[in-house]
Protein backbone atom coordinates (compact mmCIF):
# COMPACT_ATOMS: atom_id res chain seq x y z
CA UNK A 1 -23.84 -59.39 217.49
CA UNK A 2 -24.98 -62.86 216.43
CA UNK A 3 -24.58 -63.24 212.70
CA UNK A 4 -24.22 -65.69 209.86
CA UNK A 5 -21.79 -65.30 206.98
CA UNK A 6 -23.05 -67.16 203.93
CA UNK A 7 -22.16 -67.55 200.29
CA UNK A 8 -20.94 -70.17 197.85
CA UNK A 9 -17.65 -72.02 198.38
CA UNK A 10 -14.73 -69.75 197.54
CA UNK A 11 -16.66 -66.50 198.12
CA UNK A 12 -14.23 -65.46 200.85
CA UNK A 13 -16.28 -66.39 203.91
CA UNK A 14 -13.31 -67.74 205.86
CA UNK A 15 -11.16 -64.72 205.13
CA UNK A 16 -13.94 -62.26 205.93
CA UNK A 17 -14.96 -64.19 209.06
CA UNK A 18 -11.52 -63.67 210.60
CA UNK A 19 -11.43 -59.95 209.75
CA UNK A 20 -15.02 -59.26 210.80
CA UNK A 21 -14.83 -61.26 214.04
CA UNK A 22 -11.81 -59.22 215.09
CA UNK A 23 -13.44 -55.91 214.12
CA UNK A 24 -16.72 -56.84 215.88
CA UNK A 25 -14.97 -58.48 218.86
CA UNK A 26 -16.86 -61.78 218.54
CA UNK A 27 -15.55 -65.30 217.87
CA UNK A 28 -15.61 -66.65 214.33
CA UNK A 29 -17.09 -70.14 214.40
CA UNK A 30 -16.24 -72.04 211.21
CA UNK A 31 -17.52 -75.56 210.67
CA UNK A 32 -14.94 -75.96 207.89
CA UNK A 33 -12.04 -75.17 210.24
CA UNK A 34 -13.39 -77.58 212.85
CA UNK A 35 -13.79 -80.34 210.26
CA UNK A 36 -10.30 -79.75 208.79
CA UNK A 37 -8.76 -79.89 212.28
CA UNK A 38 -10.50 -83.22 212.91
CA UNK A 39 -9.33 -84.55 209.52
CA UNK A 40 -5.75 -83.49 210.26
CA UNK A 41 -5.88 -85.16 213.68
CA UNK A 42 -7.55 -88.25 212.14
CA UNK A 43 -10.28 -88.31 214.78
CA UNK A 44 -13.27 -90.60 214.14
CA UNK A 45 -15.35 -87.53 213.26
CA UNK A 46 -12.55 -86.29 211.01
CA UNK A 47 -12.31 -89.56 209.14
CA UNK A 48 -16.07 -89.62 208.61
CA UNK A 49 -16.14 -85.96 207.57
CA UNK A 50 -13.22 -86.47 205.14
CA UNK A 51 -15.20 -88.99 203.08
CA UNK A 52 -17.90 -86.40 202.47
CA UNK A 53 -15.55 -83.44 202.07
CA UNK A 54 -13.36 -85.22 199.50
CA UNK A 55 -16.45 -85.95 197.42
CA UNK A 56 -17.60 -82.33 197.71
CA UNK A 57 -20.68 -83.31 199.73
CA UNK A 58 -21.91 -81.90 203.01
CA UNK A 59 -21.16 -83.69 206.28
CA UNK A 60 -24.44 -85.19 207.65
CA UNK A 61 -26.63 -82.85 209.70
CA UNK A 62 -26.55 -84.87 212.92
CA UNK A 63 -22.73 -84.60 213.12
CA UNK A 64 -22.68 -80.92 212.21
CA UNK A 65 -25.62 -79.99 214.48
CA UNK A 66 -24.01 -81.56 217.54
CA UNK A 67 -20.73 -79.82 216.82
CA UNK A 68 -22.39 -76.39 216.40
CA UNK A 69 -24.55 -76.83 219.53
CA UNK A 70 -21.43 -77.60 221.58
CA UNK A 71 -19.43 -74.71 220.12
CA UNK A 72 -22.16 -72.10 220.63
CA UNK A 73 -22.48 -73.22 224.27
CA UNK A 74 -18.86 -72.21 224.97
CA UNK A 75 -18.34 -69.09 227.08
CA UNK A 76 -16.72 -66.96 224.35
CA UNK A 77 -19.87 -67.24 222.19
CA UNK A 78 -22.19 -66.06 224.98
CA UNK A 79 -22.18 -62.41 223.90
CA UNK A 80 -22.15 -63.05 220.16
CA UNK A 81 -20.54 -64.92 217.30
CA UNK A 82 -20.00 -64.98 213.57
CA UNK A 83 -21.06 -68.36 212.20
CA UNK A 84 -19.41 -69.42 208.93
CA UNK A 85 -20.53 -72.60 207.18
CA UNK A 86 -23.73 -73.24 209.13
CA UNK A 87 -26.60 -73.59 208.51
CA UNK A 88 -26.32 -75.20 205.09
CA UNK A 89 -29.73 -76.84 204.83
CA UNK A 90 -33.30 -75.82 205.66
CA UNK A 91 -33.37 -78.41 208.45
CA UNK A 92 -30.27 -76.81 210.00
CA UNK A 93 -32.05 -73.41 210.03
CA UNK A 94 -34.60 -74.90 212.44
CA UNK A 95 -31.87 -76.48 214.55
CA UNK A 96 -30.01 -73.18 214.79
CA UNK A 97 -33.25 -71.42 215.78
CA UNK A 98 -33.68 -74.03 218.55
CA UNK A 99 -30.06 -73.68 219.75
CA UNK A 100 -30.40 -69.90 219.95
CA UNK A 101 -33.80 -70.08 221.68
CA UNK A 102 -32.33 -72.41 224.33
CA UNK A 103 -29.96 -69.57 225.25
CA UNK A 104 -32.60 -66.84 224.89
CA UNK A 105 -30.98 -65.39 221.76
CA UNK A 106 -31.81 -64.71 218.12
CA UNK A 107 -29.85 -63.80 215.00
CA UNK A 108 -29.09 -60.15 214.35
CA UNK A 109 -27.99 -60.41 210.70
CA UNK A 110 -27.19 -62.73 207.81
CA UNK A 111 -24.57 -61.54 205.32
CA UNK A 112 -24.37 -63.31 201.95
CA UNK A 113 -21.20 -62.81 199.92
CA UNK A 114 -22.04 -62.83 196.22
CA UNK A 115 -19.65 -63.69 193.37
CA UNK A 116 -19.69 -65.17 189.87
CA UNK A 117 -19.24 -68.98 189.78
CA UNK A 118 -16.31 -68.90 187.34
CA UNK A 119 -14.49 -66.40 189.58
CA UNK A 120 -15.08 -68.68 192.57
CA UNK A 121 -13.86 -71.80 190.74
CA UNK A 122 -10.67 -69.99 189.69
CA UNK A 123 -10.12 -68.79 193.28
CA UNK A 124 -10.57 -72.27 194.71
CA UNK A 125 -8.29 -73.93 192.17
CA UNK A 126 -5.58 -71.37 192.96
CA UNK A 127 -6.07 -72.02 196.69
CA UNK A 128 -5.88 -75.78 196.11
CA UNK A 129 -2.57 -75.36 194.33
CA UNK A 130 -1.11 -73.06 197.00
CA UNK A 131 -2.39 -75.04 200.01
CA UNK A 132 -2.26 -78.55 198.52
CA UNK A 133 -5.88 -79.21 199.52
CA UNK A 134 -7.08 -82.62 198.36
CA UNK A 135 -10.73 -81.54 198.43
CA UNK A 136 -10.31 -78.86 195.72
CA UNK A 137 -10.01 -80.53 192.29
CA UNK A 138 -11.95 -78.71 189.53
CA UNK A 139 -14.60 -81.45 189.39
CA UNK A 140 -15.13 -81.32 193.17
CA UNK A 141 -15.10 -77.50 193.20
CA UNK A 142 -17.83 -77.33 190.54
CA UNK A 143 -19.83 -80.02 192.34
CA UNK A 144 -19.60 -78.01 195.59
CA UNK A 145 -20.95 -74.96 193.73
CA UNK A 146 -23.90 -77.04 192.48
CA UNK A 147 -24.57 -78.44 195.96
CA UNK A 148 -24.54 -74.91 197.39
CA UNK A 149 -27.01 -73.70 194.75
CA UNK A 150 -29.37 -76.63 195.37
CA UNK A 151 -29.17 -76.97 199.15
CA UNK A 152 -27.93 -73.75 200.76
CA UNK A 153 -28.90 -70.87 198.48
CA UNK A 154 -32.63 -71.42 199.33
CA UNK A 155 -31.79 -70.42 202.94
CA UNK A 156 -31.13 -66.88 201.74
CA UNK A 157 -34.82 -66.56 200.91
CA UNK A 158 -35.76 -67.66 204.46
CA UNK A 159 -33.50 -65.06 206.02
CA UNK A 160 -34.63 -62.38 203.56
CA UNK A 161 -38.24 -63.04 204.63
CA UNK A 162 -37.16 -62.54 208.25
CA UNK A 163 -35.58 -59.18 207.33
CA UNK A 164 -32.09 -60.33 208.32
CA UNK A 165 -30.38 -60.74 204.93
CA UNK A 166 -27.93 -58.37 203.31
CA UNK A 167 -26.09 -59.30 200.12
CA UNK A 168 -22.57 -57.99 199.58
CA UNK A 169 -20.31 -58.18 196.53
CA UNK A 170 -17.57 -60.62 197.60
CA UNK A 171 -15.14 -59.74 194.79
CA UNK A 172 -12.33 -57.30 195.52
CA UNK A 173 -9.54 -56.64 197.97
CA UNK A 174 -10.06 -58.10 201.45
CA UNK A 175 -10.35 -54.69 203.17
CA UNK A 176 -12.70 -53.42 200.46
CA UNK A 177 -15.07 -56.37 200.96
CA UNK A 178 -14.84 -56.03 204.78
CA UNK A 179 -15.88 -52.38 204.58
CA UNK A 180 -18.83 -53.32 202.34
CA UNK A 181 -19.93 -55.93 204.88
CA UNK A 182 -19.64 -53.55 207.85
CA UNK A 183 -21.64 -50.90 206.00
CA UNK A 184 -24.30 -53.48 205.08
CA UNK A 185 -24.55 -54.67 208.70
CA UNK A 186 -25.49 -51.17 209.78
CA UNK A 187 -28.56 -51.33 207.53
CA UNK A 188 -30.01 -54.38 209.32
CA UNK A 189 -28.90 -53.73 212.89
CA UNK A 190 -29.98 -50.10 213.30
């Protein structure tokens, strides 16, 4: 299974990616986790990414594209993957298509987690408090929601036109949402 997990910031993509990857026996590939690790380690990429992340903006495509290309070339992603946080722009859709074509693969499904913006903002502010994340002030959280709506939400239309998109209610208990996602995947992969 080669799939994307999409949705606005705070929709539960990271949480669901871990659960679903384990259930589907594929690696979860999260650009956010890779960026945060680089920030923590203060690598040159991490320092550059931190400037954008702290402002609530996306890291530039050329940095992200190279990172995703390298990660999807690793052996554990050969038989499938769950990609969380990429693509985020229309240009990245084309790059992902190219990366997959280079390996003779295509996407099987795109799952979009759906939730109300105010619910997402409250979730992210709670997470910021618990985890002490500097990139989650209310102003930045709302800006990230706006950036998602403007730049990433249009990708859902592209994947819907390809017959790959399923939308799933992302509000509820973790297991409840996971079961919804697994049931939705059956509708596009059968």
